[in-house]
Structures are given as C-alpha cells and as structure tokens.
Protein backbone atom coordinates (compact mmCIF):
# COMPACT_ATOMS: atom_id res chain seq x y z
CA MET A 1 38.48 52.47 24.80
CA LYS A 2 35.67 53.48 26.50
CA ASP A 3 33.50 50.95 28.66
CA SER A 4 30.31 51.11 26.45
CA GLN A 5 32.41 50.54 22.95
CA LYS A 6 34.24 47.57 24.86
CA HIS A 7 30.52 46.01 26.02
CA PHE A 8 29.24 46.32 22.28
CA GLU A 9 32.30 44.64 20.82
CA LYS A 10 31.80 41.89 23.41
CA THR A 11 28.51 41.49 22.47
CA TRP A 12 29.43 41.34 18.72
CA LYS A 13 31.91 38.86 19.28
CA THR A 14 29.88 36.52 21.43
CA VAL A 15 26.84 36.58 19.12
CA SER A 16 29.45 35.97 15.97
CA THR A 17 30.85 32.92 18.31
CA GLU A 18 27.18 31.65 18.43
CA LYS A 19 27.11 32.00 14.75
CA GLN A 20 23.80 34.30 15.30
CA GLU A 21 21.88 31.32 16.60
CA MET A 22 19.33 33.79 18.25
CA ASP A 23 17.94 31.45 20.75
CA SER A 24 15.71 32.79 23.55
CA ALA A 25 18.28 32.76 26.11
CA THR A 26 21.00 34.42 24.06
CA ASP A 27 18.26 37.03 22.88
CA SER A 28 17.34 38.00 26.43
CA ARG A 29 20.84 37.92 27.92
CA ILE A 30 21.89 40.52 25.11
CA TRP A 31 18.77 42.79 25.34
CA ARG A 32 19.36 42.93 29.09
CA GLY A 33 23.03 44.08 28.68
CA LEU A 34 22.42 46.75 26.30
CA GLU A 35 19.24 48.12 28.36
CA GLY A 36 21.33 48.26 31.07
CA LYS A 37 24.01 50.33 29.38
CA ILE A 38 21.52 52.59 27.51
CA ARG A 39 19.90 53.62 31.22
CA ARG A 40 23.19 54.21 32.70
CA GLU A 41 24.23 56.59 29.86
CA ARG A 42 20.80 57.53 28.66
CA ARG A 43 22.09 61.23 28.15
CA GLN A 44 24.98 60.75 25.55
CA LYS A 45 23.40 60.16 22.14
CA TYR A 46 26.39 58.57 20.77
CA TYR A 47 25.44 55.13 22.27
CA TRP A 48 21.62 55.48 20.57
CA SER A 49 23.60 55.69 17.21
CA ALA A 50 25.87 52.75 18.38
CA VAL A 51 22.99 50.63 19.18
CA ALA A 52 21.35 51.15 15.85
CA ALA A 53 24.83 50.91 14.07
CA ILE A 54 25.73 47.46 15.40
CA LEU A 55 22.03 46.00 16.05
CA LEU A 56 20.61 46.38 12.82
CA PRO A 57 22.97 44.53 10.61
CA LEU A 58 23.34 41.98 13.27
CA PHE A 59 19.79 40.92 13.85
CA GLY A 60 18.17 41.47 10.59
CA ILE A 61 15.21 39.91 10.57
CA LEU A 62 14.76 39.12 13.90
CA PHE A 63 13.59 43.22 14.35
CA PHE A 64 10.48 41.77 13.28
CA TYR A 65 9.46 39.58 16.33
CA GLU A 66 5.48 39.98 15.74
CA ASP A 67 5.89 38.67 12.20
CA VAL A 68 8.33 35.67 12.88
CA THR A 69 7.84 32.47 14.24
CA LEU A 70 10.51 29.91 15.53
CA LYS A 71 9.71 26.62 14.73
CA GLU A 72 10.97 23.68 16.93
CA THR A 73 11.70 20.07 16.62
CA LYS A 74 12.54 18.06 19.67
CA GLY A 75 13.46 21.09 21.58
CA GLU A 76 15.88 22.75 19.08
CA LEU A 77 15.23 26.02 17.05
CA THR A 78 15.43 24.62 13.50
CA VAL A 79 13.36 27.16 11.17
CA LEU A 80 12.22 30.94 11.07
CA VAL A 81 8.86 31.50 9.58
CA LEU A 82 8.49 35.04 8.17
CA ARG A 83 4.75 35.96 7.57
CA ALA A 84 2.71 38.76 6.26
CA ASN A 85 -0.97 39.03 7.45
CA GLU A 86 -3.03 41.54 6.57
CA SER A 87 -0.62 43.83 5.01
CA SER A 88 2.60 43.78 2.99
CA LYS A 89 5.78 43.03 5.18
CA THR A 90 9.45 43.72 4.25
CA PHE A 91 12.04 41.49 5.56
CA ARG A 92 15.81 41.81 5.21
CA LEU A 93 17.54 38.44 5.71
CA SER A 94 21.37 37.66 7.15
CA ASP A 95 22.69 37.85 3.87
CA ASN A 96 21.36 41.36 3.13
CA SER A 97 18.40 39.99 0.66
CA MET A 98 15.25 42.23 0.80
CA ILE A 99 11.94 40.26 0.75
CA THR A 100 8.54 41.92 0.26
CA LEU A 101 5.80 39.54 1.49
CA GLU A 102 2.28 40.10 -0.10
CA PRO A 103 -0.54 39.45 2.66
CA HIS A 104 -1.15 36.03 3.83
CA SER A 105 2.40 35.14 2.48
CA THR A 106 4.98 32.94 4.60
CA LEU A 107 8.77 32.59 4.07
CA SER A 108 10.53 29.68 5.72
CA LEU A 109 14.25 29.41 6.04
CA SER A 110 16.47 27.28 8.35
CA LYS A 111 18.70 28.27 11.19
CA ASP A 112 21.63 27.85 8.98
CA PHE A 113 20.46 29.98 6.27
CA GLY A 114 23.53 31.39 4.18
CA GLU A 115 26.26 29.15 5.80
CA ARG A 116 26.23 26.45 3.52
CA SER A 117 23.28 27.29 1.30
CA ARG A 118 20.64 29.71 0.75
CA ASN A 119 17.58 27.77 0.40
CA VAL A 120 14.01 29.00 1.42
CA THR A 121 10.33 27.73 1.04
CA PHE A 122 7.80 30.43 0.03
CA GLN A 123 3.82 30.31 -0.09
CA GLY A 124 2.11 33.44 -1.53
CA LYS A 125 3.04 36.25 -3.45
CA GLY A 126 6.17 38.40 -3.03
CA PHE A 127 9.36 40.52 -4.41
CA PHE A 128 12.71 39.00 -4.00
CA SER A 129 15.83 41.32 -4.29
CA ILE A 130 18.67 39.12 -3.74
CA ALA A 131 22.43 39.79 -2.83
CA LYS A 132 24.56 38.16 -5.06
CA ASP A 133 26.85 35.30 -4.08
CA LYS A 134 27.91 33.37 -6.95
CA SER A 135 29.18 30.46 -4.48
CA LYS A 136 25.65 30.05 -2.62
CA PRO A 137 22.68 30.12 -4.95
CA PHE A 138 19.38 31.28 -3.64
CA ILE A 139 16.83 28.87 -4.37
CA VAL A 140 13.10 29.55 -3.82
CA ASN A 141 11.40 26.04 -3.20
CA ALA A 142 7.49 27.23 -4.23
CA GLY A 143 5.66 24.17 -4.21
CA ASP A 144 5.46 22.24 -7.16
CA PHE A 145 8.25 24.63 -8.63
CA SER A 146 11.52 26.17 -7.69
CA VAL A 147 13.67 29.29 -8.69
CA GLU A 148 17.34 29.48 -8.51
CA VAL A 149 19.06 32.91 -8.63
CA LEU A 150 22.35 34.29 -7.72
CA GLY A 151 21.55 37.48 -7.40
CA THR A 152 18.69 39.41 -9.10
CA LYS A 153 15.13 40.95 -8.65
CA PHE A 154 12.17 39.09 -9.39
CA SER A 155 8.19 38.45 -8.09
CA VAL A 156 7.00 34.94 -7.67
CA ASP A 157 3.01 34.07 -7.55
CA GLN A 158 2.86 30.97 -5.80
CA GLN A 159 -1.16 31.46 -4.59
CA SER A 160 -3.13 31.79 -7.76
CA ASP A 161 -3.95 29.12 -9.92
CA GLU A 162 -1.92 30.38 -12.71
CA LYS A 163 1.97 30.33 -10.93
CA LYS A 164 3.82 32.97 -12.08
CA VAL A 165 7.59 34.14 -12.23
CA LYS A 166 8.39 37.63 -13.52
CA LEU A 167 12.06 38.77 -13.71
CA LEU A 168 13.13 42.34 -13.49
CA GLU A 169 16.94 41.98 -13.37
CA GLY A 170 19.45 39.32 -13.83
CA LYS A 171 18.89 35.86 -14.71
CA VAL A 172 16.93 32.88 -13.06
CA LYS A 173 16.64 29.20 -13.67
CA ILE A 174 12.98 27.35 -12.92
CA GLU A 175 12.72 23.96 -12.55
CA HIS A 176 9.21 22.42 -12.69
CA LYS A 177 8.09 18.70 -13.22
CA GLY A 178 11.84 18.13 -14.54
CA LYS A 179 11.75 20.81 -17.20
CA LEU A 180 14.25 23.89 -16.80
CA THR A 181 13.26 27.47 -18.10
CA TYR A 182 15.77 29.97 -18.24
CA LEU A 183 14.73 33.83 -17.77
CA LEU A 184 16.60 36.94 -18.66
CA PRO A 185 15.55 40.47 -17.83
CA HIS A 186 11.63 41.43 -18.51
CA GLU A 187 10.72 37.71 -19.23
CA ASN A 188 8.07 35.84 -17.37
CA TRP A 189 7.13 32.10 -16.96
CA SER A 190 3.80 30.99 -16.11
CA THR A 191 1.94 27.47 -15.45
CA SER A 192 -1.65 26.52 -14.58
CA PRO A 193 -3.63 23.06 -14.20
CA ILE A 194 -5.05 23.98 -17.72
CA LYS A 195 -1.98 25.33 -19.58
CA SER A 196 1.73 23.91 -19.54
CA ASP A 197 4.69 26.16 -18.70
CA PHE A 198 4.80 29.17 -20.71
CA HIS A 199 7.33 31.46 -21.53
CA TYR A 200 6.73 35.27 -22.48
CA TYR A 201 7.87 38.76 -22.42
CA ALA A 202 6.98 41.80 -20.27
CA VAL A 203 4.45 43.94 -21.86
CA SER A 204 7.20 47.01 -21.80
CA THR A 205 9.85 44.62 -23.76
CA ALA A 206 10.24 46.00 -27.51
CA LYS A 207 10.24 42.85 -29.93
CA SER A 208 10.17 42.84 -33.98
CA PHE A 209 7.35 41.10 -35.60
CA THR A 210 7.34 40.23 -39.62
CA PHE A 211 4.15 39.18 -41.29
CA GLU A 212 3.79 38.43 -45.02
CA ASN A 213 0.03 38.06 -45.86
CA THR A 214 -0.65 36.72 -42.50
CA THR A 215 -4.23 36.75 -41.28
CA PHE A 216 -5.28 39.08 -38.61
CA GLU A 217 -6.12 36.45 -36.24
CA ASP A 218 -2.72 34.54 -36.54
CA ALA A 219 -0.73 37.76 -36.27
CA ILE A 220 -2.69 38.49 -33.11
CA ALA A 221 -2.03 34.80 -32.10
CA GLU A 222 1.67 35.61 -32.29
CA ILE A 223 1.64 38.78 -30.27
CA GLU A 224 -0.11 37.05 -27.67
CA ASN A 225 2.17 34.42 -27.26
CA THR A 226 4.94 36.47 -27.11
CA TYR A 227 3.53 38.83 -24.47
CA GLY A 228 1.42 36.04 -22.41
CA THR A 229 -1.94 38.13 -23.28
CA HIS A 230 -5.43 37.74 -24.26
CA ILE A 231 -6.31 40.10 -27.10
CA THR A 232 -10.12 40.25 -28.02
CA TYR A 233 -10.88 41.97 -31.46
CA PRO A 234 -13.75 42.09 -34.04
CA ARG A 235 -14.14 38.77 -35.32
CA LYS A 236 -15.21 40.28 -38.73
CA ILE A 237 -11.49 41.14 -39.37
CA ALA A 238 -10.11 37.76 -38.53
CA LYS A 239 -9.23 36.90 -41.93
CA ASN A 240 -8.02 39.86 -43.23
CA GLN A 241 -4.56 39.97 -44.37
CA VAL A 242 -1.52 41.86 -42.55
CA SER A 243 1.72 42.54 -44.27
CA GLY A 244 5.02 44.37 -43.00
CA SER A 245 7.96 44.67 -40.09
CA PHE A 246 7.09 46.21 -36.66
CA SER A 247 9.07 46.76 -33.69
CA GLY A 248 8.27 48.09 -30.39
CA ASN A 249 6.70 47.14 -27.13
CA LEU A 250 3.11 45.67 -26.75
CA LYS A 251 1.27 49.08 -26.96
CA GLU A 252 3.37 50.12 -29.87
CA ILE A 253 2.84 46.86 -31.85
CA LEU A 254 -0.95 46.93 -31.35
CA SER A 255 -0.89 50.82 -32.46
CA ILE A 256 0.62 49.95 -35.95
CA ILE A 257 -1.38 46.90 -36.47
CA ASN A 258 -4.53 48.85 -35.59
CA TYR A 259 -4.26 51.45 -37.74
CA PRO A 260 -5.12 50.06 -41.16
CA PHE A 261 -8.46 48.67 -39.52
CA ASN A 262 -9.09 51.98 -37.60
CA LEU A 263 -9.06 50.11 -34.17
CA LYS A 264 -8.63 51.34 -30.79
CA THR A 265 -7.10 49.56 -27.94
CA THR A 266 -8.35 49.27 -24.29
CA PHE A 267 -5.71 47.54 -21.67
CA ASN A 268 -8.07 46.03 -18.87
CA ASN A 269 -4.57 44.82 -17.46
CA ASP A 270 -1.53 43.47 -18.86
CA GLN A 271 -3.08 40.33 -19.57
CA GLU A 272 -6.66 41.46 -20.90
CA ILE A 273 -6.67 43.76 -23.89
CA ILE A 274 -9.56 44.80 -26.09
CA LEU A 275 -9.28 45.92 -29.86
CA TYR A 276 -12.52 47.81 -30.95
C-alpha cells in the first residue's frame, strides 16, 4: 500500500476511534497532516480525489466552518449550532440527513448526535430530508412543539405567528401541548395564538366532496377546512344551494363549484383565494 494511502487509512481510523469528536486540536492535527501530503504529491491528481472521497463523508457538516458555532460548557464541546444568516444554507448531518435552513434560522445538535439518538433544536424556517433509521427517530424540537420522524421530507416554520409543518414524503408525529397529530404525505399542520391545532391537506391533494342542498357558504367552509385556506366570494350567493359529488384538487373543485354561478378563481397564494 502506498504511503499516502496508509496515511489516509490511519487518519480515518484515528477519527473513527475518537468517534468524530472534532475538537480544535484534532481538527488542526488532521488538516496539517493532509496539507503536508498534498504539498509533497501535488502532481498526482489521484490524491486530490482521495481527499474528497475520504473527508467529505468524514467531516460532513464541518465543511461549513463559517456557518457553524461550537458552544462550550466548562471548556468541553457540547453543541454544534448551524445557522443561515442572509441567505439559505444546506447542511449534511453525520447521519446523511440534509437540512436547508432559510435566512435567520438555526439548528442545534449535541456532539453525540446519531450515536444514541437524533434530537435537534430548531428555530426559524427550514426543509428537512431525513435519512431513514428505524432505531433512532429524528426529533425536531421547535419551541412549544416537536416533530418526530423515522425518515421523510418535510418543512417546518417555527418563526411565524402561525407555526406550520408541511409533509412531502413519509409520516411524521407532531406533539403540541400534550396532543399528538399524525401526518401522511401532502398533509399539513398549523397552530397559532388565535387558532387551535389545525390538520389540513396540500392544495394539490385530490379530495372528494358530496353536497346535498348545501348552502354555498357551508360548502366553501368545508373546502376551507379541508385545505387550510381562506376563500373570499360574493356574499350575495352565500345562501344559494349546492348539490352534487365532486373530486379533484383544490383548483379543480373550485372550478366545478364555480360553474353554476359563473365565477372565476384567483389564487393570491395557497392560503388566500378569491372567487369573483
């Protein structure tokens, strides 16, 4: 085995033995050794590939030095704090989970993250793509609520007055004030100081509705509750009746229910809709 390969293997085993606890002395020692090897064998492109292949999975999140703070207690490393300042940042954790933090958001995790548990503390807005590990649920502590997953993709808004969790794939469990809510793909959850916990569907999700001599305002209220939206419409038709069975996503349902009243639809966003 070539000297450089032996050196990289020794580096790998050393860090593995230390359980990847990258204190400043370990970090400095490893980087000095690697830089020396690279300088001596700069002309051999193979070793540049070896550096990337070994260090990328080994250090993971520590490549983002400018966005990582090490919090210490009594001189001992205890917590890594990942942050996004003025722009979004994406981090890969040691378990291969990918976290995208929106501006002014932070994610904190302990030095032994992934060894016995995968608990993190989150503030702000972010998107989570979690690596599967049935033995170690990934738990996001987001202020007064928490999100528990085994492996999935979801977003969390902990920053706004209305807290939100939107699930894209997999399944999550949300705990808020002792109440548990389970979400399946394309289901969402929210809570706010003026509104209790609310479980609803993404606007792209197809749902079925059946109305039998239902007033227009009651039909719209059911649609609003299903999709977590606010729909404005001409009040003069509020008491008109709607009958029939409809199936489709939100845009399709509104197109069907609008037809008898010759209404059109404008989406200001997924939550604010105007019928006119």
